[in-house]
Structures are given as structure tokens and as C-alpha cells.
Amino acid sequence: PLAASPPVLTSLSPPNTSSMPMANGSPLTGFVGLNDHIIFCSHVEAIDWYALVKPLRSKLVSVQRAIVIVTEYTIDEEQWEWLSFFPNLWVVEGSPLVASDLARAQIESCNTIVILSSPRIGEDEAVLDEKAIVVYNSVKAHFSHKRIVLDLAKPSNSRLVAPEVGRVGIYENPEFIAGHLY
């Protein structure tokens, strides 16, 4: 049998509430007291969430922070079957470009925001990281005090985030050295 559906945080209509975690007898629709967590933002469908979450749940990691995934796509049942083994994992169905969706993920109290780029092969390299860069710039404009990590598929696109890359190269870029660009 498949695991229960992911705990989706939504203020609209939660899916299949019979299998969702409950708070005070009603479906969990927000994080109460969630602090120091990691938010993964994705605008693409083809993400191997298990591969991203597994290292963060290793027994070798001394502090296992709660993880919130903000995505426009529903995580399929097969993938959720694997993810459901991990504790403190939440999904916000929404866009990382919508302030209310980030608020549901409690961005104000998070530790780190990770913005994932498109893993698709064969796309035009000029636009491969376009959406991730737009999300990064939007989040950085509103939450510059937060640690924001941007995963780029094409390193040369970092010049669109940090113009000084063109002068010094990505590996000498302060944003890359600080661990904000990958």
C-alpha cells in the first residue's frame, strides 16, 4: 500500500484530508512554531525530491531541520511513498513567486531558502535557469536578510545574478564562494 498523501499546506482546499496530519481535529493548514527550517523552491515538475532530502536526513547530520517544499506541481504518489519516511517534511502547493505561498512556508522564520533550477536537458541554454533566477531575484528583493542558495544548471548564467562574475569568473565570485550559487 502507498503511504499517505504529503502534508500539503493550503488555505484553499486541502486534498484528501483523511490522510493528512491533523491539528486540533482539523487538517493542518499552517506551521505553528516552525523555526530555523529549510525551504526548497521549485518551479519545475521533474525533481527527484528523495535525492535532495535524503542527505539532509542522514544520521551524520547533527541538526535535522524541518524541510518545506514549495512547488507548483503535485508530488506524485510514487515519489511521496519514499519521501513519507522522512520526518518533518512539508509541501506547500504554490509558486515561489507568490508572497502568500512563501508566507505559508513561514519564510520569515526559515534558516535557508534553496532555489532549484531546471534539470531538463536539451532546453535552450540561454533560458535554462531563467525561472530560477527570477525567483532568486524576487526572494532576494524581499528577504535579503535570509540565506538564499541558488542552484544553476549552467554556471555562466550566474552573471545574470551577480554581474561581477563576468569580470572574475564564477569560481572567484563572492556569491559562489559564500555558497549562494551552485
C-alpha atoms as a PDB file:
ATOM      1  CA  PRO A   1       0.000   0.000   0.000  1.00  0.00           C
ATOM      2  CA  LEU A   2       1.102   3.539  -0.718  1.00  0.00           C
ATOM      3  CA  ALA A   3       1.939   5.992   2.019  1.00  0.00           C
ATOM      4  CA  ALA A   4      -0.481   8.743   2.910  1.00  0.00           C
ATOM      5  CA  SER A   5      -0.551  11.843   0.730  1.00  0.00           C
ATOM      6  CA  PRO A   6       2.002  14.532   1.565  1.00  0.00           C
ATOM      7  CA  PRO A   7       1.021  17.041   4.230  1.00  0.00           C
ATOM      8  CA  VAL A   8       0.037  19.827   1.877  1.00  0.00           C
ATOM      9  CA  LEU A   9      -0.305  23.267   3.378  1.00  0.00           C
ATOM     10  CA  THR A  10      -3.035  25.208   1.729  1.00  0.00           C
ATOM     11  CA  SER A  11      -5.607  27.707   2.812  1.00  0.00           C
ATOM     12  CA  LEU A  12      -7.845  26.774  -0.097  1.00  0.00           C
ATOM     13  CA  SER A  13      -8.988  23.172  -0.352  1.00  0.00           C
ATOM     14  CA  PRO A  14      -6.649  20.558   1.100  1.00  0.00           C
ATOM     15  CA  PRO A  15      -6.566  17.283  -0.840  1.00  0.00           C
ATOM     16  CA  ASN A  16      -7.715  14.046   0.776  1.00  0.00           C
ATOM     17  CA  THR A  17      -7.783  15.367   4.319  1.00  0.00           C
ATOM     18  CA  SER A  18      -8.429  11.900   5.738  1.00  0.00           C
ATOM     19  CA  SER A  19      -4.757  11.003   5.246  1.00  0.00           C
ATOM     20  CA  MET A  20      -3.287  14.341   6.296  1.00  0.00           C
ATOM     21  CA  PRO A  21      -1.824  15.175   9.692  1.00  0.00           C
ATOM     22  CA  MET A  22      -4.424  16.814  11.869  1.00  0.00           C
ATOM     23  CA  ALA A  23      -4.119  19.710  14.261  1.00  0.00           C
ATOM     24  CA  ASN A  24      -6.919  20.209  16.791  1.00  0.00           C
ATOM     25  CA  GLY A  25      -9.234  17.964  14.761  1.00  0.00           C
ATOM     26  CA  SER A  26      -8.881  19.917  11.516  1.00  0.00           C
ATOM     27  CA  PRO A  27      -6.476  19.486   8.600  1.00  0.00           C
ATOM     28  CA  LEU A  28      -3.109  21.076   9.169  1.00  0.00           C
ATOM     29  CA  THR A  29      -3.149  24.297   7.158  1.00  0.00           C
ATOM     30  CA  GLY A  30      -0.174  26.138   8.588  1.00  0.00           C
ATOM     31  CA  PHE A  31       3.008  25.711  10.531  1.00  0.00           C
ATOM     32  CA  VAL A  32       2.696  26.769  14.115  1.00  0.00           C
ATOM     33  CA  GLY A  33       6.046  27.462  15.661  1.00  0.00           C
ATOM     34  CA  LEU A  34       8.139  26.261  12.731  1.00  0.00           C
ATOM     35  CA  ASN A  35      11.593  27.854  13.045  1.00  0.00           C
ATOM     36  CA  ASP A  36      15.012  27.504  11.520  1.00  0.00           C
ATOM     37  CA  HIS A  37      13.764  25.280   8.675  1.00  0.00           C
ATOM     38  CA  ILE A  38      14.911  24.854   5.070  1.00  0.00           C
ATOM     39  CA  ILE A  39      12.663  25.876   2.187  1.00  0.00           C
ATOM     40  CA  PHE A  40      13.165  24.292  -1.229  1.00  0.00           C
ATOM     41  CA  CYS A  41      11.579  26.332  -4.043  1.00  0.00           C
ATOM     42  CA  SER A  42      10.960  24.713  -7.391  1.00  0.00           C
ATOM     43  CA  HIS A  43       9.127  25.809 -10.498  1.00  0.00           C
ATOM     44  CA  VAL A  44       9.745  22.588 -12.443  1.00  0.00           C
ATOM     45  CA  GLU A  45       7.992  19.240 -12.346  1.00  0.00           C
ATOM     46  CA  ALA A  46      10.894  16.811 -12.783  1.00  0.00           C
ATOM     47  CA  ILE A  47      12.636  16.987  -9.413  1.00  0.00           C
ATOM     48  CA  ASP A  48      13.937  13.943  -7.560  1.00  0.00           C
ATOM     49  CA  TRP A  49      12.904  15.165  -4.114  1.00  0.00           C
ATOM     50  CA  TYR A  50      14.110  11.984  -2.451  1.00  0.00           C
ATOM     51  CA  ALA A  51      17.676  12.585  -3.686  1.00  0.00           C
ATOM     52  CA  LEU A  52      17.561  16.114  -2.268  1.00  0.00           C
ATOM     53  CA  VAL A  53      16.059  15.255   1.103  1.00  0.00           C
ATOM     54  CA  LYS A  54      17.930  12.022   1.884  1.00  0.00           C
ATOM     55  CA  PRO A  55      21.337  13.615   2.658  1.00  0.00           C
ATOM     56  CA  LEU A  56      19.631  16.103   4.987  1.00  0.00           C
ATOM     57  CA  ARG A  57      18.122  13.190   6.936  1.00  0.00           C
ATOM     58  CA  SER A  58      21.373  11.265   7.280  1.00  0.00           C
ATOM     59  CA  LYS A  59      22.285  10.127  10.793  1.00  0.00           C
ATOM     60  CA  LEU A  60      25.550  12.008  10.289  1.00  0.00           C
ATOM     61  CA  VAL A  61      23.713  15.348  10.166  1.00  0.00           C
ATOM     62  CA  SER A  62      23.607  16.553  13.757  1.00  0.00           C
ATOM     63  CA  VAL A  63      20.852  19.157  13.286  1.00  0.00           C
ATOM     64  CA  GLN A  64      17.994  17.873  11.173  1.00  0.00           C
ATOM     65  CA  ARG A  65      15.956  20.908  10.263  1.00  0.00           C
ATOM     66  CA  ALA A  66      12.359  20.722   9.117  1.00  0.00           C
ATOM     67  CA  ILE A  67      12.034  20.884   5.329  1.00  0.00           C
ATOM     68  CA  VAL A  68       9.332  22.710   3.408  1.00  0.00           C
ATOM     69  CA  ILE A  69       8.966  22.182  -0.341  1.00  0.00           C
ATOM     70  CA  VAL A  70       7.261  24.991  -2.268  1.00  0.00           C
ATOM     71  CA  THR A  71       6.254  23.746  -5.705  1.00  0.00           C
ATOM     72  CA  GLU A  72       3.616  24.421  -8.319  1.00  0.00           C
ATOM     73  CA  TYR A  73       3.368  20.704  -9.054  1.00  0.00           C
ATOM     74  CA  THR A  74       1.802  17.910  -7.054  1.00  0.00           C
ATOM     75  CA  ILE A  75       4.332  15.352  -5.872  1.00  0.00           C
ATOM     76  CA  ASP A  76       3.237  12.040  -7.349  1.00  0.00           C
ATOM     77  CA  GLU A  77       2.255   9.118  -5.144  1.00  0.00           C
ATOM     78  CA  GLU A  78       5.290   7.010  -6.038  1.00  0.00           C
ATOM     79  CA  GLN A  79       7.718   9.750  -5.042  1.00  0.00           C
ATOM     80  CA  TRP A  80       5.728  10.576  -1.910  1.00  0.00           C
ATOM     81  CA  GLU A  81       5.875   6.911  -0.880  1.00  0.00           C
ATOM     82  CA  TRP A  82       9.643   7.331  -0.494  1.00  0.00           C
ATOM     83  CA  LEU A  83       9.507  10.822   0.971  1.00  0.00           C
ATOM     84  CA  SER A  84       6.953   9.861   3.625  1.00  0.00           C
ATOM     85  CA  PHE A  85       9.655   8.021   5.572  1.00  0.00           C
ATOM     86  CA  PHE A  86      11.352  11.304   6.426  1.00  0.00           C
ATOM     87  CA  PRO A  87      10.173  13.238   9.477  1.00  0.00           C
ATOM     88  CA  ASN A  88       9.344  16.961   9.440  1.00  0.00           C
ATOM     89  CA  LEU A  89       8.788  17.257   5.708  1.00  0.00           C
ATOM     90  CA  TRP A  90       6.044  19.536   4.390  1.00  0.00           C
ATOM     91  CA  VAL A  91       4.759  20.550   0.975  1.00  0.00           C
ATOM     92  CA  VAL A  92       3.267  23.895   0.014  1.00  0.00           C
ATOM     93  CA  GLU A  93       1.498  23.656  -3.304  1.00  0.00           C
ATOM     94  CA  GLY A  94       2.046  27.083  -4.776  1.00  0.00           C
ATOM     95  CA  SER A  95       4.504  29.315  -6.535  1.00  0.00           C
ATOM     96  CA  PRO A  96       7.736  30.595  -5.035  1.00  0.00           C
ATOM     97  CA  LEU A  97       6.878  33.883  -6.781  1.00  0.00           C
ATOM     98  CA  VAL A  98       3.683  34.359  -4.754  1.00  0.00           C
ATOM     99  CA  ALA A  99       4.214  36.065  -1.395  1.00  0.00           C
ATOM    100  CA  SER A 100       1.273  34.294   0.280  1.00  0.00           C
ATOM    101  CA  ASP A 101       2.683  30.885  -0.729  1.00  0.00           C
ATOM    102  CA  LEU A 102       6.047  31.783   0.791  1.00  0.00           C
ATOM    103  CA  ALA A 103       4.235  33.062   3.886  1.00  0.00           C
ATOM    104  CA  ARG A 104       2.519  29.648   4.241  1.00  0.00           C
ATOM    105  CA  ALA A 105       6.009  28.134   4.196  1.00  0.00           C
ATOM    106  CA  GLN A 106       6.890  30.551   7.007  1.00  0.00           C
ATOM    107  CA  ILE A 107       9.735  32.159   5.114  1.00  0.00           C
ATOM    108  CA  GLU A 108      10.196  34.765   7.849  1.00  0.00           C
ATOM    109  CA  SER A 109      11.355  32.134  10.334  1.00  0.00           C
ATOM    110  CA  CYS A 110      13.341  29.878   7.985  1.00  0.00           C
ATOM    111  CA  ASN A 111      17.079  29.294   8.097  1.00  0.00           C
ATOM    112  CA  THR A 112      17.782  28.802   4.390  1.00  0.00           C
ATOM    113  CA  ILE A 113      15.941  29.150   1.092  1.00  0.00           C
ATOM    114  CA  VAL A 114      17.160  26.887  -1.716  1.00  0.00           C
ATOM    115  CA  ILE A 115      16.005  27.766  -5.239  1.00  0.00           C
ATOM    116  CA  LEU A 116      16.298  24.912  -7.697  1.00  0.00           C
ATOM    117  CA  SER A 117      16.856  25.305 -11.404  1.00  0.00           C
ATOM    118  CA  SER A 118      15.547  23.208 -14.246  1.00  0.00           C
ATOM    119  CA  PRO A 119      17.206  19.799 -14.537  1.00  0.00           C
ATOM    120  CA  ARG A 120      15.940  19.380 -18.091  1.00  0.00           C
ATOM    121  CA  ILE A 121      18.447  18.534 -20.749  1.00  0.00           C
ATOM    122  CA  GLY A 122      18.107  19.894 -24.261  1.00  0.00           C
ATOM    123  CA  GLU A 123      16.494  23.206 -23.353  1.00  0.00           C
ATOM    124  CA  ASP A 124      17.897  26.388 -24.815  1.00  0.00           C
ATOM    125  CA  GLU A 125      20.880  27.193 -22.590  1.00  0.00           C
ATOM    126  CA  ALA A 126      20.043  30.888 -22.644  1.00  0.00           C
ATOM    127  CA  VAL A 127      16.787  30.285 -20.765  1.00  0.00           C
ATOM    128  CA  LEU A 128      17.685  27.143 -18.814  1.00  0.00           C
ATOM    129  CA  ASP A 129      17.982  29.000 -15.493  1.00  0.00           C
ATOM    130  CA  GLU A 130      15.612  31.852 -16.327  1.00  0.00           C
ATOM    131  CA  LYS A 131      12.804  30.966 -13.908  1.00  0.00           C
ATOM    132  CA  ALA A 132      15.169  30.128 -11.058  1.00  0.00           C
ATOM    133  CA  ILE A 133      16.918  33.483 -11.496  1.00  0.00           C
ATOM    134  CA  VAL A 134      13.583  35.319 -11.484  1.00  0.00           C
ATOM    135  CA  VAL A 135      12.614  33.508  -8.261  1.00  0.00           C
ATOM    136  CA  TYR A 136      16.041  34.269  -6.749  1.00  0.00           C
ATOM    137  CA  ASN A 137      15.808  37.977  -7.564  1.00  0.00           C
ATOM    138  CA  SER A 138      12.256  38.166  -6.223  1.00  0.00           C
ATOM    139  CA  VAL A 139      13.094  36.391  -2.961  1.00  0.00           C
ATOM    140  CA  LYS A 140      16.330  38.359  -2.532  1.00  0.00           C
ATOM    141  CA  ALA A 141      14.467  41.663  -3.021  1.00  0.00           C
ATOM    142  CA  HIS A 142      12.081  40.859  -0.175  1.00  0.00           C
ATOM    143  CA  PHE A 143      14.185  38.649   2.086  1.00  0.00           C
ATOM    144  CA  SER A 144      17.776  39.802   1.600  1.00  0.00           C
ATOM    145  CA  HIS A 145      18.478  39.094   5.275  1.00  0.00           C
ATOM    146  CA  LYS A 146      17.929  35.359   4.677  1.00  0.00           C
ATOM    147  CA  ARG A 147      20.471  32.830   3.435  1.00  0.00           C
ATOM    148  CA  ILE A 148      19.412  32.167  -0.161  1.00  0.00           C
ATOM    149  CA  VAL A 149      21.057  29.446  -2.226  1.00  0.00           C
ATOM    150  CA  LEU A 150      20.575  29.351  -5.996  1.00  0.00           C
ATOM    151  CA  ASP A 151      21.209  26.144  -7.921  1.00  0.00           C
ATOM    152  CA  LEU A 152      22.093  26.905 -11.544  1.00  0.00           C
ATOM    153  CA  ALA A 153      22.132  24.358 -14.362  1.00  0.00           C
ATOM    154  CA  LYS A 154      24.566  26.480 -16.372  1.00  0.00           C
ATOM    155  CA  PRO A 155      27.267  28.240 -14.281  1.00  0.00           C
ATOM    156  CA  SER A 156      27.769  31.027 -16.824  1.00  0.00           C
ATOM    157  CA  ASN A 157      24.193  32.172 -16.113  1.00  0.00           C
ATOM    158  CA  SER A 158      25.441  33.403 -12.734  1.00  0.00           C
ATOM    159  CA  ARG A 159      26.377  36.652 -14.485  1.00  0.00           C
ATOM    160  CA  LEU A 160      22.629  37.367 -14.537  1.00  0.00           C
ATOM    161  CA  VAL A 161      22.563  37.214 -10.730  1.00  0.00           C
ATOM    162  CA  ALA A 162      25.931  38.727  -9.909  1.00  0.00           C
ATOM    163  CA  PRO A 163      27.287  40.946 -12.717  1.00  0.00           C
ATOM    164  CA  GLU A 164      30.822  40.831 -11.343  1.00  0.00           C
ATOM    165  CA  VAL A 165      31.057  37.191 -12.471  1.00  0.00           C
ATOM    166  CA  GLY A 166      31.814  38.424 -15.979  1.00  0.00           C
ATOM    167  CA  ARG A 167      34.920  40.129 -14.644  1.00  0.00           C
ATOM    168  CA  VAL A 168      36.230  37.467 -12.262  1.00  0.00           C
ATOM    169  CA  GLY A 169      34.686  34.116 -13.289  1.00  0.00           C
ATOM    170  CA  ILE A 170      32.181  32.093 -11.315  1.00  0.00           C
ATOM    171  CA  TYR A 171      34.656  30.294  -9.028  1.00  0.00           C
ATOM    172  CA  GLU A 172      36.062  33.604  -7.828  1.00  0.00           C
ATOM    173  CA  ASN A 173      32.656  35.225  -7.455  1.00  0.00           C
ATOM    174  CA  PRO A 174      31.829  36.261  -3.864  1.00  0.00           C
ATOM    175  CA  GLU A 175      28.308  34.779  -4.192  1.00  0.00           C
ATOM    176  CA  PHE A 176      29.795  31.402  -5.250  1.00  0.00           C
ATOM    177  CA  ILE A 177      32.491  31.464  -2.565  1.00  0.00           C
ATOM    178  CA  ALA A 178      29.887  32.271   0.082  1.00  0.00           C
ATOM    179  CA  GLY A 179      27.866  29.237  -1.010  1.00  0.00           C
ATOM    180  CA  HIS A 180      24.974  31.163  -2.501  1.00  0.00           C
ATOM    181  CA  LEU A 181      25.480  29.971  -6.114  1.00  0.00           C
ATOM    182  CA  TYR A 182      25.949  26.363  -7.277  1.00  0.00           C
END
